[in-house]
Amino acid sequence: MSLSSYTMIASLSAIIILLLFPYSIKRRGYLGLPFPITIFLIFFWITSQIIELNSITLESKIFWANIQYIPIMFIPVCFLYLLFQFTDSRHLQNKIIFFILSLVPVLGNILVWTNEKHSLIRENVFLNTSGEIALIEKNFGMGFWFLAAYNYSLCLFMFYLLFTSMKDKRGIYGKQIYFFSISIFLPILANIYNLSGLNKLGFDLTPLVFGISGLIIYFGIIKYQIFDMVPIARSYIVDQIKSGVIVTDRTGKIVDLNKFALKIFNKEKDDILGKKGKDIFYNYPELIKYCGRKKKKILILKLKIQRI
């Protein structure tokens, strides 16, 4: 692949990710700051790699390669922190956990910028100009493999959270988990391909693949509004309760309900999930006003409607 071709494709990938940024800012009230930060870090990684590949001198290439370690180390942390919101693990979403998770990324970036003193990240570094694209040739040091192991351990934990959540997620919740799984799996697969030695291009394809993940997220947003609803623990919905229990998010959309509620309204779950409460309860105006109340993060309605 020529440098101009890759630059064009990578630039398109960066644009796709950048277009997600305004949406992530808009949804930060539901998803928190990790969502826009993750989007920005991915964009930053792609653009930094483009600049690195188009640089001429070894010094400039190393500078931009070092810059890329900021997103490389912090994207998994932010993604995991964001995932806590969607896998009934919100008790882990606190500043202390984020601080602990960020210690290794901070250490990693310090090691990258001081590599000349210890060679823990790169060793035997030189500029290979034999191909169409001038590339940094190096051997990875022990510090690099430690950082890689840390990132992969976070990724494994993400998949554990996703797997355990899939067992209890239904309807639109399940779709959120599936889209998250695919968008995480593709960059990980690209990174494994890069580190395995099978990649003959000489540069990491992971940033480029994030553009594909961006397209998948776009589809999920348009088709299923996957970020319009914040999942709520299934434990809140007890199917054995002899009353209708309905859960709405802060936008007024129905995000879960129990079997008795389905029986009351004589509907299937897929006909109700993701719909506005006002569209379902139009015959019950006294209930509509409770849908999407902003005073509470979670609103649980016990409905007991007499049939005529």
Protein backbone atom coordinates (compact mmCIF):
# COMPACT_ATOMS: atom_id res chain seq x y z
CA MET A 1 0.00 0.00 0.00
CA SER A 2 1.38 3.40 -0.98
CA LEU A 3 1.77 6.20 1.54
CA SER A 4 -0.72 8.41 -0.30
CA SER A 5 -3.34 5.60 -0.37
CA TYR A 6 -2.99 4.85 3.32
CA THR A 7 -3.03 8.55 4.20
CA MET A 8 -6.29 8.96 2.28
CA ILE A 9 -7.93 5.93 3.91
CA ALA A 10 -6.69 6.87 7.39
CA SER A 11 -7.90 10.44 6.91
CA LEU A 12 -11.36 9.13 6.03
CA SER A 13 -11.26 6.99 9.17
CA ALA A 14 -10.32 10.07 11.23
CA ILE A 15 -13.22 12.03 9.73
CA ILE A 16 -15.65 9.23 10.63
CA ILE A 17 -14.45 9.28 14.23
CA LEU A 18 -14.45 13.08 14.36
CA LEU A 19 -18.11 13.16 13.29
CA LEU A 20 -18.92 11.09 16.37
CA PHE A 21 -17.39 13.70 18.67
CA PRO A 22 -20.32 16.22 18.71
CA TYR A 23 -22.69 13.33 19.44
CA SER A 24 -20.45 12.14 22.28
CA ILE A 25 -20.46 15.65 23.77
CA LYS A 26 -24.25 15.77 23.51
CA ARG A 27 -24.57 12.42 25.27
CA ARG A 28 -22.02 13.08 28.01
CA GLY A 29 -24.85 13.65 30.49
CA TYR A 30 -25.86 10.00 30.03
CA LEU A 31 -22.49 8.41 29.38
CA GLY A 32 -20.11 10.73 31.20
CA LEU A 33 -16.86 12.25 29.95
CA PRO A 34 -15.16 8.91 29.07
CA PHE A 35 -17.24 8.73 25.87
CA PRO A 36 -16.06 12.02 24.27
CA ILE A 37 -12.56 11.48 25.67
CA THR A 38 -12.39 8.06 24.01
CA ILE A 39 -13.59 9.47 20.70
CA PHE A 40 -11.01 12.27 20.87
CA LEU A 41 -8.19 9.86 21.75
CA ILE A 42 -9.01 7.64 18.76
CA PHE A 43 -9.02 10.66 16.45
CA PHE A 44 -5.75 11.82 18.01
CA TRP A 45 -4.17 8.39 17.46
CA ILE A 46 -5.15 8.23 13.78
CA THR A 47 -3.94 11.75 12.98
CA SER A 48 -0.68 11.24 14.90
CA GLN A 49 0.04 8.09 12.94
CA ILE A 50 -0.64 9.89 9.65
CA ILE A 51 1.85 12.60 10.62
CA GLU A 52 4.41 9.98 11.71
CA LEU A 53 4.22 8.07 8.43
CA ASN A 54 4.52 11.27 6.42
CA SER A 55 7.50 12.54 8.45
CA ILE A 56 10.96 12.28 6.93
CA THR A 57 13.53 12.26 9.75
CA LEU A 58 13.92 9.61 12.41
CA GLU A 59 13.62 12.21 15.17
CA SER A 60 10.25 13.48 13.95
CA LYS A 61 8.95 9.95 13.44
CA ILE A 62 9.95 8.95 16.98
CA PHE A 63 8.31 12.09 18.36
CA TRP A 64 4.97 11.29 16.74
CA ALA A 65 5.31 7.60 17.58
CA ASN A 66 5.76 8.62 21.22
CA ILE A 67 2.72 10.90 21.03
CA GLN A 68 0.63 7.91 19.97
CA TYR A 69 1.28 6.19 23.30
CA ILE A 70 -1.10 8.65 24.95
CA PRO A 71 -4.16 7.22 23.11
CA ILE A 72 -2.68 3.72 22.98
CA MET A 73 -2.52 3.52 26.78
CA PHE A 74 -5.59 5.55 27.72
CA ILE A 75 -8.17 4.29 25.18
CA PRO A 76 -8.55 0.89 26.94
CA VAL A 77 -8.94 2.64 30.31
CA CYS A 78 -11.61 5.04 29.01
CA PHE A 79 -13.38 2.29 27.09
CA LEU A 80 -13.51 0.08 30.19
CA TYR A 81 -14.74 2.97 32.32
CA LEU A 82 -17.45 3.65 29.73
CA LEU A 83 -18.35 -0.03 29.65
CA PHE A 84 -19.07 0.01 33.39
CA GLN A 85 -22.11 2.14 32.52
CA PHE A 86 -23.56 -0.54 30.24
CA THR A 87 -22.84 -3.75 32.14
CA ASP A 88 -24.43 -3.19 35.54
CA SER A 89 -20.99 -2.33 36.95
CA ARG A 90 -21.62 1.32 37.73
CA HIS A 91 -20.37 0.78 41.28
CA LEU A 92 -16.88 0.60 39.70
CA GLN A 93 -17.37 3.93 37.95
CA ASN A 94 -15.64 6.21 40.42
CA LYS A 95 -12.60 8.44 40.55
CA ILE A 96 -10.53 6.05 42.66
CA ILE A 97 -10.91 3.20 40.16
CA PHE A 98 -10.11 5.54 37.26
CA PHE A 99 -7.01 6.80 39.10
CA ILE A 100 -5.79 3.24 39.73
CA LEU A 101 -6.43 2.17 36.13
CA SER A 102 -4.53 5.24 34.88
CA LEU A 103 -1.33 4.58 36.85
CA VAL A 104 0.14 2.16 34.31
CA PRO A 105 -0.71 4.37 31.29
CA VAL A 106 0.99 7.32 32.99
CA LEU A 107 4.04 5.18 33.81
CA GLY A 108 4.06 3.85 30.26
CA ASN A 109 4.14 7.31 28.75
CA ILE A 110 6.98 8.32 31.07
CA LEU A 111 8.95 5.25 29.93
CA VAL A 112 8.29 6.08 26.27
CA TRP A 113 9.65 9.62 26.54
CA THR A 114 12.69 8.50 28.55
CA ASN A 115 13.42 5.45 26.40
CA GLU A 116 16.91 6.65 25.40
CA LYS A 117 18.04 6.18 29.01
CA HIS A 118 16.81 2.60 29.52
CA SER A 119 15.57 1.14 26.16
CA LEU A 120 12.67 -0.57 27.92
CA ILE A 121 10.23 0.35 25.14
CA ARG A 122 12.40 0.30 22.00
CA GLU A 123 15.93 -0.84 21.30
CA ASN A 124 18.12 -1.04 18.19
CA VAL A 125 16.18 1.82 16.62
CA PHE A 126 16.95 2.98 13.06
CA LEU A 127 15.14 4.42 10.06
CA ASN A 128 14.39 1.92 7.29
CA THR A 129 14.16 3.73 3.95
CA SER A 130 14.30 0.66 1.71
CA GLY A 131 10.53 0.63 1.11
CA GLU A 132 8.10 3.16 -0.29
CA ILE A 133 7.32 4.33 3.26
CA ALA A 134 10.20 5.19 5.58
CA LEU A 135 9.57 3.28 8.80
CA ILE A 136 11.01 3.08 12.28
CA GLU A 137 12.68 -0.31 12.71
CA LYS A 138 13.16 -1.47 16.27
CA ASN A 139 13.00 -4.32 18.72
CA PHE A 140 10.45 -4.06 21.49
CA GLY A 141 11.83 -4.00 25.02
CA MET A 142 10.44 -5.61 28.15
CA GLY A 143 8.60 -2.43 29.10
CA PHE A 144 6.63 -2.52 25.85
CA TRP A 145 5.45 -6.08 26.46
CA PHE A 146 4.47 -5.17 30.01
CA LEU A 147 2.32 -2.30 28.68
CA ALA A 148 0.86 -4.57 25.99
CA ALA A 149 0.01 -7.19 28.61
CA TYR A 150 -1.71 -4.53 30.73
CA ASN A 151 -3.82 -3.32 27.80
CA TYR A 152 -4.79 -6.86 26.84
CA SER A 153 -5.73 -7.65 30.43
CA LEU A 154 -8.12 -4.66 30.38
CA CYS A 155 -9.54 -5.93 27.09
CA LEU A 156 -10.07 -9.39 28.55
CA PHE A 157 -11.90 -7.82 31.48
CA MET A 158 -14.07 -5.89 29.01
CA PHE A 159 -15.04 -9.11 27.27
CA TYR A 160 -15.76 -10.73 30.64
CA LEU A 161 -18.14 -7.87 31.50
CA LEU A 162 -19.77 -8.09 28.07
CA PHE A 163 -20.14 -11.87 28.25
CA THR A 164 -21.69 -11.85 31.72
CA SER A 165 -24.02 -9.01 30.73
CA MET A 166 -25.25 -10.80 27.60
CA LYS A 167 -26.81 -13.49 29.75
CA ASP A 168 -29.21 -11.01 31.31
CA LYS A 169 -29.69 -8.41 28.60
CA ARG A 170 -32.76 -8.55 26.40
CA GLY A 171 -34.15 -6.52 23.56
CA ILE A 172 -32.43 -3.20 23.07
CA TYR A 173 -30.03 -3.85 25.95
CA GLY A 174 -28.69 -6.88 24.10
CA LYS A 175 -28.16 -4.80 20.96
CA GLN A 176 -26.09 -2.31 22.94
CA ILE A 177 -23.85 -5.12 24.20
CA TYR A 178 -23.46 -6.64 20.72
CA PHE A 179 -22.46 -3.32 19.18
CA PHE A 180 -19.98 -2.67 21.98
CA SER A 181 -18.49 -6.15 21.52
CA ILE A 182 -17.93 -5.73 17.79
CA SER A 183 -16.56 -2.19 18.08
CA ILE A 184 -14.02 -3.38 20.70
CA PHE A 185 -13.15 -6.71 19.07
CA LEU A 186 -12.12 -5.36 15.65
CA PRO A 187 -9.33 -3.02 16.88
CA ILE A 188 -8.07 -5.73 19.25
CA LEU A 189 -7.94 -8.20 16.35
CA ALA A 190 -6.03 -5.66 14.25
CA ASN A 191 -3.56 -5.07 17.08
CA ILE A 192 -2.96 -8.80 17.56
CA TYR A 193 -2.37 -9.07 13.82
CA ASN A 194 0.20 -6.29 14.06
CA LEU A 195 2.10 -7.74 17.04
CA SER A 196 2.03 -11.30 15.69
CA GLY A 197 4.45 -10.45 12.90
CA LEU A 198 1.94 -11.31 10.19
CA ASN A 199 1.53 -7.65 9.24
CA LYS A 200 3.99 -7.03 6.40
CA LEU A 201 3.05 -3.38 5.92
CA GLY A 202 5.38 -2.28 8.71
CA PHE A 203 2.89 -0.05 10.53
CA ASP A 204 -0.02 -0.65 12.88
CA LEU A 205 -3.47 -0.95 11.30
CA THR A 206 -5.29 -0.58 14.62
CA PRO A 207 -6.00 3.17 14.27
CA LEU A 208 -7.45 2.57 10.80
CA VAL A 209 -9.73 -0.21 12.03
CA PHE A 210 -11.16 2.17 14.65
CA GLY A 211 -12.79 3.93 11.69
CA ILE A 212 -14.66 0.71 10.90
CA SER A 213 -15.72 0.53 14.55
CA GLY A 214 -16.94 4.10 14.18
CA LEU A 215 -19.14 3.08 11.24
CA ILE A 216 -20.56 0.21 13.31
CA ILE A 217 -21.36 2.61 16.14
CA TYR A 218 -22.98 4.99 13.63
CA PHE A 219 -25.22 2.17 12.43
CA GLY A 220 -26.13 1.31 16.01
CA ILE A 221 -26.98 4.94 16.75
CA ILE A 222 -29.17 5.32 13.65
CA LYS A 223 -30.82 1.89 13.75
CA TYR A 224 -31.17 1.19 17.45
CA GLN A 225 -30.34 4.47 19.26
CA ILE A 226 -27.82 2.48 21.30
CA PHE A 227 -26.59 5.49 23.27
CA ASP A 228 -29.98 7.07 23.87
CA MET A 229 -30.61 4.78 26.82
CA VAL A 230 -28.44 3.97 29.79
CA PRO A 231 -28.94 0.33 30.80
CA ILE A 232 -30.36 -0.40 34.22
CA ALA A 233 -29.56 -3.49 36.27
CA ARG A 234 -31.95 -6.32 35.56
CA SER A 235 -32.20 -6.87 39.30
CA TYR A 236 -34.51 -3.86 39.45
CA ILE A 237 -37.05 -5.76 37.37
CA VAL A 238 -38.41 -8.74 39.22
CA ASP A 239 -40.68 -10.79 37.02
CA GLN A 240 -42.32 -12.45 40.01
CA ILE A 241 -43.83 -9.17 41.20
CA LYS A 242 -47.61 -9.25 40.78
CA SER A 243 -47.69 -5.67 39.54
CA GLY A 244 -46.56 -4.10 36.32
CA VAL A 245 -43.08 -2.63 36.67
CA ILE A 246 -41.80 -0.29 33.97
CA VAL A 247 -38.44 1.49 33.85
CA THR A 248 -37.85 4.62 31.78
CA ASP A 249 -34.69 6.59 31.16
CA ARG A 250 -34.34 10.35 31.43
CA THR A 251 -35.50 10.88 27.84
CA GLY A 252 -38.84 9.21 28.58
CA LYS A 253 -38.02 6.02 26.67
CA ILE A 254 -39.02 2.66 28.10
CA VAL A 255 -35.87 0.66 28.76
CA ASP A 256 -37.25 -2.35 30.65
CA LEU A 257 -40.40 -3.88 32.03
CA ASN A 258 -41.51 -7.10 33.66
CA LYS A 259 -43.82 -9.86 32.44
CA PHE A 260 -46.85 -8.56 34.34
CA ALA A 261 -46.58 -5.17 32.65
CA LEU A 262 -46.54 -6.90 29.26
CA LYS A 263 -49.65 -8.79 30.26
CA ILE A 264 -51.41 -5.57 31.34
CA PHE A 265 -50.77 -3.82 28.05
CA ASN A 266 -51.11 -7.02 26.00
CA LYS A 267 -47.93 -6.33 24.06
CA GLU A 268 -44.64 -8.00 23.21
CA LYS A 269 -41.46 -6.63 24.77
CA ASP A 270 -39.96 -5.64 21.39
CA ASP A 271 -43.07 -3.55 20.70
CA ILE A 272 -42.43 -1.44 23.81
CA LEU A 273 -38.67 -1.29 24.45
CA GLY A 274 -37.09 1.88 23.14
CA LYS A 275 -40.44 3.60 22.59
CA LYS A 276 -41.45 6.85 24.23
CA GLY A 277 -43.71 6.40 27.23
CA LYS A 278 -46.10 9.01 25.85
CA ASP A 279 -46.59 6.87 22.73
CA ILE A 280 -47.41 3.75 24.77
CA PHE A 281 -49.41 5.34 27.59
CA TYR A 282 -51.42 7.76 25.43
CA ASN A 283 -54.62 6.42 27.04
CA TYR A 284 -53.20 7.19 30.48
CA PRO A 285 -52.19 10.86 30.59
CA GLU A 286 -51.65 10.67 34.34
CA LEU A 287 -48.75 8.27 33.67
CA ILE A 288 -47.11 10.20 30.85
CA LYS A 289 -45.98 12.98 33.17
CA TYR A 290 -43.86 10.49 35.12
CA CYS A 291 -41.92 9.30 32.07
CA GLY A 292 -38.48 10.83 31.79
CA ARG A 293 -38.47 12.78 35.05
CA LYS A 294 -35.07 14.41 35.40
CA LYS A 295 -35.08 14.60 39.19
CA LYS A 296 -34.20 10.93 39.45
CA LYS A 297 -31.66 8.94 37.50
CA ILE A 298 -33.90 5.88 37.58
CA LEU A 299 -37.68 5.88 37.75
CA ILE A 300 -39.50 2.63 38.51
CA LEU A 301 -43.25 2.70 37.96
CA LYS A 302 -45.51 0.08 39.47
CA LEU A 303 -48.61 0.09 37.34
CA LYS A 304 -51.89 -1.54 38.24
CA ILE A 305 -54.43 -0.88 35.53
CA GLN A 306 -57.95 -2.23 35.75
CA ARG A 307 -59.31 -3.67 32.53
CA ILE A 308 -62.85 -2.72 31.56
